[in-house]
Structure formats: structure tokens, C-alpha cells
C-alpha atoms as a PDB file:
ATOM      1  CA  MET A   1     -17.140  15.125 -14.512  1.00  0.00           C
ATOM      2  CA  THR A   2     -14.263  14.972 -12.056  1.00  0.00           C
ATOM      3  CA  SER A   3     -10.830  15.523 -13.548  1.00  0.00           C
ATOM      4  CA  HIS A   4      -8.275  12.743 -13.359  1.00  0.00           C
ATOM      5  CA  LEU A   5      -5.690  12.705 -10.626  1.00  0.00           C
ATOM      6  CA  SER A   6      -2.093  13.094 -11.693  1.00  0.00           C
ATOM      7  CA  SER A   7      -0.750   9.826 -13.081  1.00  0.00           C
ATOM      8  CA  PRO A   8       2.745   8.444 -12.381  1.00  0.00           C
ATOM      9  CA  ASP A   9       3.652   9.368 -15.967  1.00  0.00           C
ATOM     10  CA  GLN A  10       3.320  13.069 -15.152  1.00  0.00           C
ATOM     11  CA  PRO A  11       5.893  15.094 -13.182  1.00  0.00           C
ATOM     12  CA  LEU A  12       5.495  14.436  -9.473  1.00  0.00           C
ATOM     13  CA  SER A  13       5.916  17.025  -6.758  1.00  0.00           C
ATOM     14  CA  ASP A  14       8.252  15.809  -4.050  1.00  0.00           C
ATOM     15  CA  SER A  15       5.536  15.669  -1.404  1.00  0.00           C
ATOM     16  CA  VAL A  16       2.803  13.074  -1.938  1.00  0.00           C
ATOM     17  CA  PHE A  17       1.284  13.070   1.575  1.00  0.00           C
ATOM     18  CA  GLN A  18       1.320  15.890   4.110  1.00  0.00           C
ATOM     19  CA  VAL A  19      -0.125  14.811   7.443  1.00  0.00           C
ATOM     20  CA  ARG A  20      -0.456  17.066  10.491  1.00  0.00           C
ATOM     21  CA  GLY A  21      -2.081  16.234  13.807  1.00  0.00           C
ATOM     22  CA  LEU A  22      -3.883  13.242  12.295  1.00  0.00           C
ATOM     23  CA  THR A  23      -6.277  11.777  14.841  1.00  0.00           C
ATOM     24  CA  LYS A  24      -8.784   8.939  14.613  1.00  0.00           C
ATOM     25  CA  ILE A  25     -11.189   8.179  17.436  1.00  0.00           C
ATOM     26  CA  TYR A  26     -13.612   5.268  17.514  1.00  0.00           C
ATOM     27  CA  GLY A  27     -16.524   5.125  19.939  1.00  0.00           C
ATOM     28  CA  GLU A  28     -17.577   7.614  22.593  1.00  0.00           C
ATOM     29  CA  GLY A  29     -17.347   8.076  26.328  1.00  0.00           C
ATOM     30  CA  ASP A  30     -16.024   5.059  28.192  1.00  0.00           C
ATOM     31  CA  ALA A  31     -15.855   3.137  24.917  1.00  0.00           C
ATOM     32  CA  GLU A  32     -13.663   5.745  23.194  1.00  0.00           C
ATOM     33  CA  VAL A  33     -10.528   4.424  21.504  1.00  0.00           C
ATOM     34  CA  ARG A  34      -7.933   6.834  20.128  1.00  0.00           C
ATOM     35  CA  ALA A  35      -6.470   4.711  17.329  1.00  0.00           C
ATOM     36  CA  LEU A  36      -4.284   7.595  16.126  1.00  0.00           C
ATOM     37  CA  ASN A  37      -3.367  10.528  18.307  1.00  0.00           C
ATOM     38  CA  GLY A  38      -1.791  13.507  16.549  1.00  0.00           C
ATOM     39  CA  ILE A  39       0.346  11.945  13.801  1.00  0.00           C
ATOM     40  CA  ASP A  40       2.683  14.193  11.764  1.00  0.00           C
ATOM     41  CA  LEU A  41       4.078  12.625   8.604  1.00  0.00           C
ATOM     42  CA  ASP A  42       5.402  13.534   5.155  1.00  0.00           C
ATOM     43  CA  CYS A  43       5.822  10.989   2.350  1.00  0.00           C
ATOM     44  CA  ARG A  44       7.693  11.730  -0.855  1.00  0.00           C
ATOM     45  CA  ALA A  45       7.375  10.376  -4.377  1.00  0.00           C
ATOM     46  CA  GLY A  46       9.231   7.131  -4.996  1.00  0.00           C
ATOM     47  CA  GLU A  47       9.949   6.364  -1.348  1.00  0.00           C
ATOM     48  CA  PHE A  48       9.770   2.889   0.163  1.00  0.00           C
ATOM     49  CA  ILE A  49       8.390   3.348   3.675  1.00  0.00           C
ATOM     50  CA  VAL A  50       7.903   0.697   6.347  1.00  0.00           C
ATOM     51  CA  VAL A  51       5.598   1.310   9.300  1.00  0.00           C
ATOM     52  CA  LEU A  52       6.313  -0.972  12.253  1.00  0.00           C
ATOM     53  CA  GLY A  53       4.076  -1.633  15.204  1.00  0.00           C
ATOM     54  CA  ALA A  54       2.436  -4.289  17.290  1.00  0.00           C
ATOM     55  CA  SER A  55      -1.209  -5.214  16.890  1.00  0.00           C
ATOM     56  CA  GLY A  56      -3.311  -2.273  18.053  1.00  0.00           C
ATOM     57  CA  SER A  57      -0.572   0.308  17.548  1.00  0.00           C
ATOM     58  CA  GLY A  58      -2.571   2.200  14.902  1.00  0.00           C
ATOM     59  CA  LYS A  59      -0.629   1.205  11.797  1.00  0.00           C
ATOM     60  CA  SER A  60      -3.607  -0.253   9.892  1.00  0.00           C
ATOM     61  CA  THR A  61      -5.696   2.782  10.830  1.00  0.00           C
ATOM     62  CA  LEU A  62      -2.976   4.993   9.361  1.00  0.00           C
ATOM     63  CA  LEU A  63      -2.999   2.983   6.134  1.00  0.00           C
ATOM     64  CA  ASN A  64      -6.796   3.170   5.938  1.00  0.00           C
ATOM     65  CA  LEU A  65      -6.718   6.962   6.289  1.00  0.00           C
ATOM     66  CA  LEU A  66      -3.895   7.487   3.784  1.00  0.00           C
ATOM     67  CA  GLY A  67      -5.621   5.102   1.377  1.00  0.00           C
ATOM     68  CA  GLY A  68      -8.953   6.907   1.558  1.00  0.00           C
ATOM     69  CA  LEU A  69     -10.741   3.944   3.145  1.00  0.00           C
ATOM     70  CA  ASP A  70     -11.655   6.029   6.202  1.00  0.00           C
ATOM     71  CA  THR A  71     -11.703   9.671   7.247  1.00  0.00           C
ATOM     72  CA  PRO A  72      -9.928  11.304  10.209  1.00  0.00           C
ATOM     73  CA  THR A  73     -11.609  12.628  13.320  1.00  0.00           C
ATOM     74  CA  ALA A  74      -9.233  15.597  13.429  1.00  0.00           C
ATOM     75  CA  GLY A  75      -6.072  16.914  11.831  1.00  0.00           C
ATOM     76  CA  SER A  76      -4.969  17.621   8.268  1.00  0.00           C
ATOM     77  CA  LEU A  77      -4.498  14.957   5.581  1.00  0.00           C
ATOM     78  CA  ARG A  78      -3.433  16.037   2.101  1.00  0.00           C
ATOM     79  CA  TYR A  79      -2.571  13.999  -0.987  1.00  0.00           C
ATOM     80  CA  ARG A  80      -0.706  16.475  -3.201  1.00  0.00           C
ATOM     81  CA  ASP A  81      -3.251  19.279  -3.589  1.00  0.00           C
ATOM     82  CA  TRP A  82      -6.216  17.164  -2.483  1.00  0.00           C
ATOM     83  CA  ASP A  83      -7.659  17.648   1.012  1.00  0.00           C
ATOM     84  CA  LEU A  84      -8.566  14.049   1.842  1.00  0.00           C
ATOM     85  CA  GLY A  85      -9.603  14.943   5.373  1.00  0.00           C
ATOM     86  CA  GLN A  86     -12.552  16.961   4.052  1.00  0.00           C
ATOM     87  CA  ALA A  87     -13.330  14.874   0.968  1.00  0.00           C
ATOM     88  CA  ASN A  88     -16.776  13.378   0.469  1.00  0.00           C
ATOM     89  CA  GLU A  89     -17.287   9.711  -0.378  1.00  0.00           C
ATOM     90  CA  ALA A  90     -17.486  10.338  -4.134  1.00  0.00           C
ATOM     91  CA  ARG A  91     -14.159  12.181  -4.022  1.00  0.00           C
ATOM     92  CA  LEU A  92     -12.558   9.445  -1.926  1.00  0.00           C
ATOM     93  CA  THR A  93     -13.837   6.781  -4.312  1.00  0.00           C
ATOM     94  CA  HIS A  94     -12.268   8.654  -7.222  1.00  0.00           C
ATOM     95  CA  TYR A  95      -8.999   8.968  -5.275  1.00  0.00           C
ATOM     96  CA  ARG A  96      -8.896   5.254  -4.427  1.00  0.00           C
ATOM     97  CA  ARG A  97      -9.760   4.226  -7.971  1.00  0.00           C
ATOM     98  CA  GLU A  98      -7.072   6.292  -9.665  1.00  0.00           C
ATOM     99  CA  ALA A  99      -4.265   6.895  -7.177  1.00  0.00           C
ATOM    100  CA  VAL A 100      -4.024   3.966  -4.755  1.00  0.00           C
ATOM    101  CA  GLY A 101      -3.277   0.262  -5.042  1.00  0.00           C
ATOM    102  CA  PHE A 102      -3.939  -1.970  -2.031  1.00  0.00           C
ATOM    103  CA  VAL A 103      -2.323  -5.252  -1.029  1.00  0.00           C
ATOM    104  CA  PHE A 104      -3.648  -7.013   2.055  1.00  0.00           C
ATOM    105  CA  GLN A 105      -2.584 -10.060   4.059  1.00  0.00           C
ATOM    106  CA  PHE A 106      -5.289 -12.152   2.407  1.00  0.00           C
ATOM    107  CA  TYR A 107      -5.383 -12.209  -1.346  1.00  0.00           C
ATOM    108  CA  ASN A 108      -9.101 -11.693  -2.075  1.00  0.00           C
ATOM    109  CA  LEU A 109      -8.869 -13.263  -5.514  1.00  0.00           C
ATOM    110  CA  ILE A 110     -11.991 -14.479  -7.301  1.00  0.00           C
ATOM    111  CA  PRO A 111     -11.651 -18.301  -7.401  1.00  0.00           C
ATOM    112  CA  SER A 112     -13.510 -18.746 -10.689  1.00  0.00           C
ATOM    113  CA  LEU A 113     -11.212 -16.354 -12.582  1.00  0.00           C
ATOM    114  CA  THR A 114      -7.661 -16.969 -13.785  1.00  0.00           C
ATOM    115  CA  ALA A 115      -4.769 -14.795 -12.633  1.00  0.00           C
ATOM    116  CA  ARG A 116      -5.043 -12.838 -15.878  1.00  0.00           C
ATOM    117  CA  GLU A 117      -8.795 -12.351 -15.434  1.00  0.00           C
ATOM    118  CA  ASN A 118      -8.420 -11.279 -11.777  1.00  0.00           C
ATOM    119  CA  VAL A 119      -6.006  -8.548 -12.838  1.00  0.00           C
ATOM    120  CA  ALA A 120      -8.131  -7.567 -15.839  1.00  0.00           C
ATOM    121  CA  LEU A 121     -10.969  -6.606 -13.482  1.00  0.00           C
ATOM    122  CA  ILE A 122      -8.898  -3.557 -12.557  1.00  0.00           C
ATOM    123  CA  THR A 123      -7.631  -2.759 -16.044  1.00  0.00           C
ATOM    124  CA  GLU A 124     -11.241  -2.494 -17.249  1.00  0.00           C
ATOM    125  CA  ILE A 125     -12.066   0.386 -14.885  1.00  0.00           C
ATOM    126  CA  ALA A 126      -8.768   2.297 -14.660  1.00  0.00           C
ATOM    127  CA  PRO A 127      -8.231   5.332 -16.946  1.00  0.00           C
ATOM    128  CA  ASP A 128      -4.691   4.480 -18.109  1.00  0.00           C
ATOM    129  CA  PRO A 129      -3.887   0.904 -17.079  1.00  0.00           C
ATOM    130  CA  MET A 130      -1.114  -1.412 -18.117  1.00  0.00           C
ATOM    131  CA  THR A 131      -2.302  -4.711 -19.516  1.00  0.00           C
ATOM    132  CA  ALA A 132      -2.909  -7.664 -17.213  1.00  0.00           C
ATOM    133  CA  GLU A 133      -0.010  -9.391 -18.969  1.00  0.00           C
ATOM    134  CA  GLU A 134       2.352  -6.485 -18.235  1.00  0.00           C
ATOM    135  CA  ALA A 135       1.353  -6.396 -14.571  1.00  0.00           C
ATOM    136  CA  LEU A 136       1.785 -10.152 -14.142  1.00  0.00           C
ATOM    137  CA  HIS A 137       5.175  -9.992 -15.869  1.00  0.00           C
ATOM    138  CA  LEU A 138       6.329  -7.365 -13.343  1.00  0.00           C
ATOM    139  CA  VAL A 139       5.623  -9.778 -10.486  1.00  0.00           C
ATOM    140  CA  GLY A 140       7.212 -12.745 -12.260  1.00  0.00           C
ATOM    141  CA  LEU A 141       4.074 -14.654 -13.194  1.00  0.00           C
ATOM    142  CA  SER A 142       4.131 -14.605 -16.985  1.00  0.00           C
ATOM    143  CA  GLU A 143       4.063 -18.406 -17.025  1.00  0.00           C
ATOM    144  CA  ARG A 144       1.168 -18.711 -14.570  1.00  0.00           C
ATOM    145  CA  MET A 145      -1.318 -16.123 -15.783  1.00  0.00           C
ATOM    146  CA  ASP A 146      -3.877 -18.633 -17.049  1.00  0.00           C
ATOM    147  CA  HIS A 147      -3.968 -20.606 -13.805  1.00  0.00           C
ATOM    148  CA  PHE A 148      -6.809 -20.330 -11.310  1.00  0.00           C
ATOM    149  CA  PRO A 149      -6.099 -19.303  -7.704  1.00  0.00           C
ATOM    150  CA  ALA A 150      -6.513 -22.917  -6.494  1.00  0.00           C
ATOM    151  CA  GLN A 151      -3.683 -23.900  -8.842  1.00  0.00           C
ATOM    152  CA  LEU A 152      -1.323 -21.278  -7.400  1.00  0.00           C
ATOM    153  CA  SER A 153       0.752 -21.289  -4.222  1.00  0.00           C
ATOM    154  CA  GLY A 154       0.111 -18.715  -1.495  1.00  0.00           C
ATOM    155  CA  GLY A 155       3.021 -16.598  -2.676  1.00  0.00           C
ATOM    156  CA  GLU A 156       1.834 -16.731  -6.274  1.00  0.00           C
ATOM    157  CA  GLN A 157      -1.661 -15.694  -5.216  1.00  0.00           C
ATOM    158  CA  GLN A 158      -0.216 -12.759  -3.301  1.00  0.00           C
ATOM    159  CA  ARG A 159       1.790 -11.741  -6.368  1.00  0.00           C
ATOM    160  CA  VAL A 160      -1.411 -11.838  -8.431  1.00  0.00           C
ATOM    161  CA  ALA A 161      -2.921  -9.510  -5.822  1.00  0.00           C
ATOM    162  CA  ILE A 162       0.089  -7.190  -6.231  1.00  0.00           C
ATOM    163  CA  ALA A 163      -0.283  -7.266 -10.023  1.00  0.00           C
ATOM    164  CA  ARG A 164      -3.953  -6.389  -9.633  1.00  0.00           C
ATOM    165  CA  ALA A 165      -3.042  -3.484  -7.354  1.00  0.00           C
ATOM    166  CA  ILE A 166      -0.420  -1.989  -9.662  1.00  0.00           C
ATOM    167  CA  ALA A 167      -2.169  -2.556 -13.010  1.00  0.00           C
ATOM    168  CA  LYS A 168      -3.877   0.822 -12.695  1.00  0.00           C
ATOM    169  CA  ARG A 169      -0.410   2.481 -12.407  1.00  0.00           C
ATOM    170  CA  PRO A 170      -1.137   3.910  -8.949  1.00  0.00           C
ATOM    171  CA  ALA A 171       0.923   6.728  -7.500  1.00  0.00           C
ATOM    172  CA  VAL A 172       0.702   5.001  -4.100  1.00  0.00           C
ATOM    173  CA  LEU A 173       0.921   1.313  -3.163  1.00  0.00           C
ATOM    174  CA  MET A 174      -0.381   0.440   0.316  1.00  0.00           C
ATOM    175  CA  CYS A 175       0.570  -2.989   1.675  1.00  0.00           C
ATOM    176  CA  ASP A 176      -0.928  -4.217   4.964  1.00  0.00           C
ATOM    177  CA  GLU A 177       1.031  -7.217   6.321  1.00  0.00           C
ATOM    178  CA  PRO A 178       1.623  -8.546   2.781  1.00  0.00           C
ATOM    179  CA  THR A 179       3.763 -11.459   4.048  1.00  0.00           C
ATOM    180  CA  GLY A 180       1.748 -12.188   7.184  1.00  0.00           C
ATOM    181  CA  ALA A 181       0.242 -15.422   5.869  1.00  0.00           C
ATOM    182  CA  LEU A 182       3.414 -16.661   4.158  1.00  0.00           C
ATOM    183  CA  ASP A 183       6.517 -18.616   5.108  1.00  0.00           C
ATOM    184  CA  VAL A 184       9.909 -16.880   5.013  1.00  0.00           C
ATOM    185  CA  ARG A 185      11.008 -17.990   1.546  1.00  0.00           C
ATOM    186  CA  THR A 186       7.673 -17.141  -0.016  1.00  0.00           C
ATOM    187  CA  GLY A 187       7.561 -13.851   1.873  1.00  0.00           C
ATOM    188  CA  ILE A 188      10.913 -12.856   0.405  1.00  0.00           C
ATOM    189  CA  THR A 189       9.586 -13.530  -3.104  1.00  0.00           C
ATOM    190  CA  VAL A 190       6.567 -11.309  -2.429  1.00  0.00           C
ATOM    191  CA  LEU A 191       8.715  -8.514  -0.968  1.00  0.00           C
ATOM    192  CA  ALA A 192      10.972  -8.712  -4.026  1.00  0.00           C
ATOM    193  CA  ALA A 193       7.927  -8.132  -6.245  1.00  0.00           C
ATOM    194  CA  ILE A 194       6.868  -5.110  -4.163  1.00  0.00           C
ATOM    195  CA  GLU A 195      10.410  -3.696  -4.223  1.00  0.00           C
ATOM    196  CA  ARG A 196      10.565  -4.089  -8.009  1.00  0.00           C
ATOM    197  CA  ILE A 197       7.344  -2.104  -8.412  1.00  0.00           C
ATOM    198  CA  ASN A 198       8.742   0.675  -6.222  1.00  0.00           C
ATOM    199  CA  ARG A 199      12.031   0.754  -8.128  1.00  0.00           C
ATOM    200  CA  GLU A 200      10.788   0.413 -11.705  1.00  0.00           C
ATOM    201  CA  LEU A 201       7.548   2.409 -11.541  1.00  0.00           C
ATOM    202  CA  GLY A 202       8.609   4.989  -8.934  1.00  0.00           C
ATOM    203  CA  THR A 203       5.503   4.214  -6.893  1.00  0.00           C
ATOM    204  CA  LEU A 204       5.422   5.569  -3.343  1.00  0.00           C
ATOM    205  CA  THR A 205       5.224   2.316  -1.393  1.00  0.00           C
ATOM    206  CA  MET A 206       4.159   1.896   2.227  1.00  0.00           C
ATOM    207  CA  VAL A 207       4.402  -1.487   3.915  1.00  0.00           C
ATOM    208  CA  ILE A 208       2.652  -1.942   7.255  1.00  0.00           C
ATOM    209  CA  THR A 209       4.135  -4.806   9.259  1.00  0.00           C
ATOM    210  CA  HIS A 210       5.010  -6.134  12.698  1.00  0.00           C
ATOM    211  CA  ASN A 211       8.140  -7.779  11.227  1.00  0.00           C
ATOM    212  CA  ALA A 212      11.095  -5.525  12.050  1.00  0.00           C
ATOM    213  CA  VAL A 213      13.368  -7.301   9.546  1.00  0.00           C
ATOM    214  CA  VAL A 214      11.356  -5.864   6.646  1.00  0.00           C
ATOM    215  CA  ALA A 215      12.406  -2.386   7.761  1.00  0.00           C
ATOM    216  CA  GLU A 216      15.942  -3.000   6.476  1.00  0.00           C
ATOM    217  CA  MET A 217      14.743  -2.731   2.856  1.00  0.00           C
ATOM    218  CA  ALA A 218      13.096   0.669   3.360  1.00  0.00           C
ATOM    219  CA  ASP A 219      14.215   4.222   2.713  1.00  0.00           C
ATOM    220  CA  ARG A 220      12.504   5.333   5.924  1.00  0.00           C
ATOM    221  CA  VAL A 221      11.036   3.487   8.879  1.00  0.00           C
ATOM    222  CA  PHE A 222       8.350   4.739  11.263  1.00  0.00           C
ATOM    223  CA  THR A 223       7.501   2.985  14.512  1.00  0.00           C
ATOM    224  CA  LEU A 224       3.982   3.341  15.901  1.00  0.00           C
ATOM    225  CA  SER A 225       2.865   2.618  19.443  1.00  0.00           C
ATOM    226  CA  ASP A 226      -0.477   3.430  21.047  1.00  0.00           C
ATOM    227  CA  GLY A 227      -1.460   5.766  18.216  1.00  0.00           C
ATOM    228  CA  HIS A 228       1.769   7.793  18.254  1.00  0.00           C
ATOM    229  CA  ILE A 229       4.884   7.795  16.079  1.00  0.00           C
ATOM    230  CA  THR A 230       7.545   6.818  18.594  1.00  0.00           C
ATOM    231  CA  GLY A 231      10.472   6.491  16.198  1.00  0.00           C
ATOM    232  CA  GLU A 232      11.668   7.453  12.731  1.00  0.00           C
ATOM    233  CA  ARG A 233      14.869   6.509  10.971  1.00  0.00           C
ATOM    234  CA  CYS A 234      16.405   6.606   7.521  1.00  0.00           C
ATOM    235  CA  ASN A 235      18.414   3.700   6.193  1.00  0.00           C
ATOM    236  CA  ALA A 236      21.700   4.860   4.668  1.00  0.00           C
ATOM    237  CA  GLN A 237      21.369   1.975   2.237  1.00  0.00           C
ATOM    238  CA  ARG A 238      18.398  -0.245   1.501  1.00  0.00           C
ATOM    239  CA  ALA A 239      19.129  -3.915   2.193  1.00  0.00           C
ATOM    240  CA  ALA A 240      18.791  -6.359  -0.685  1.00  0.00           C
ATOM    241  CA  VAL A 241      15.560  -8.294  -0.289  1.00  0.00           C
ATOM    242  CA  ASN A 242      17.257 -11.686  -0.568  1.00  0.00           C
ATOM    243  CA  SER A 243      19.530 -10.791   2.360  1.00  0.00           C
ATOM    244  CA  LEU A 244      16.614 -10.574   4.800  1.00  0.00           C
ATOM    245  CA  VAL A 245      16.278 -13.357   7.376  1.00  0.00           C
ATOM    246  CA  TRP A 246      13.605 -13.802  10.030  1.00  0.00           C
END
């Protein structure tokens, strides 16, 4: 039986991801696409990282590799002392199940289940989960947990998706365009929920977005273009979420 990954309750080493020369190629010959081309990156425990880039820049590919949804063509990819670049599918499944929470642009909730029941799907398979009620409280939905997705607004559905992602107490939260389908006011509410998770649980949080304004709330910002990191900056102070305007 595979041993559990380190949980957020245990002491964390400073480095969560160590990435060197990370490359992902799709197709062959004339159809070859280099989605990532030699990425170097380090991510530390508790950081809030924003990755900016236009469509096709490679940012979603980067998230998929860091999240164990895909494997690199070349380069080194380590999560703490795990070599994800060489991991088999069983190992990657174990990594995703215990260490990573995902939030996508579309909520992927089960319509016939309440908010509480959607979150409970994760708590039933995680080794040390919080309760569905705890997770929904963290995203401000204590009063809506027995509503079905059709009875919730888009922002509330996205917050249910966040609660589902963090109920397992992941060390890493990966968010791919989490406000892409939302209006500004609702998007701010969703970002506030993500920021609270990062702050209160110490979860390494990575938000992939094309919206440059979101970068103001990050500790560090990476810009991707054509499969390369073309910029990196640290914010001296993270902007308050409710100060963001776009």
C-alpha cells in the first residue's frame, strides 16, 4: 500500500515544486506543437502565485503538468521528494487524490446533488478531510449548503467547486481561469474565497488567468508567452481583493 503524501498539518519544506527545463510537446513532425519549452520554476509553501498569459501561451499545460493531469516530454518536475516527471499513472492518481485540489472555469457540479452532497463526494475518499460543512463555511456558503446547483448563482456554484477542491485539505490548489465565466462583482467574491483558503490553510495556490488585474493579489507573478516564462515579479504587498477593478 502506498504511503500517504505529507498533509498540510505536517511541517512543510519551503520548496513544494522544483521545475527545471520542463518541456511538453504535442504531435510530431509538421504537426508538432511545443506547448512548454524549457520552463524553470520554484514554488514555495503558502505562496499565492498568478500565471498570466494569452490563450495558447502554455499556462494551462503548465497547470496540467504541476497537477499531475499530464506528464512532461522532457525536463525535471518534482513535488517535494516525489519525481512527478517519471511517475506512473497509479502514482499520479495518488498524488492528485491527496495533494492537489482543482478549480476550473466551469463548475462541474452534479445537478442532482446539493452543495453539501457535491462536496461530500470528496470527503468520502480523502484520507483526512474536513467536513463538507467546514469547507462550505470557508467559502461563505453555510446558508446555502442544502441548495441544488440550479438554485445557486454562478458565483455560488464556483464557490461550491472551491469547497469541493479544498475539502481534502490539499497542499496545492490549482485554479484555471476561476473567474472566466463570471461578472466582475461575482469574480471578486470567488477570488476572495480563494485568497481566504490560501491565507487560513497555508495552501500553495496557483491561479492561471489572462486577467492581469488578478496579478495584484499575488505574492509572485509569472508571465508566459509561446511556452516560455517571459517575466517574473514579486509584489511588495498583496492587493486587497475588494480593491481589484477590471
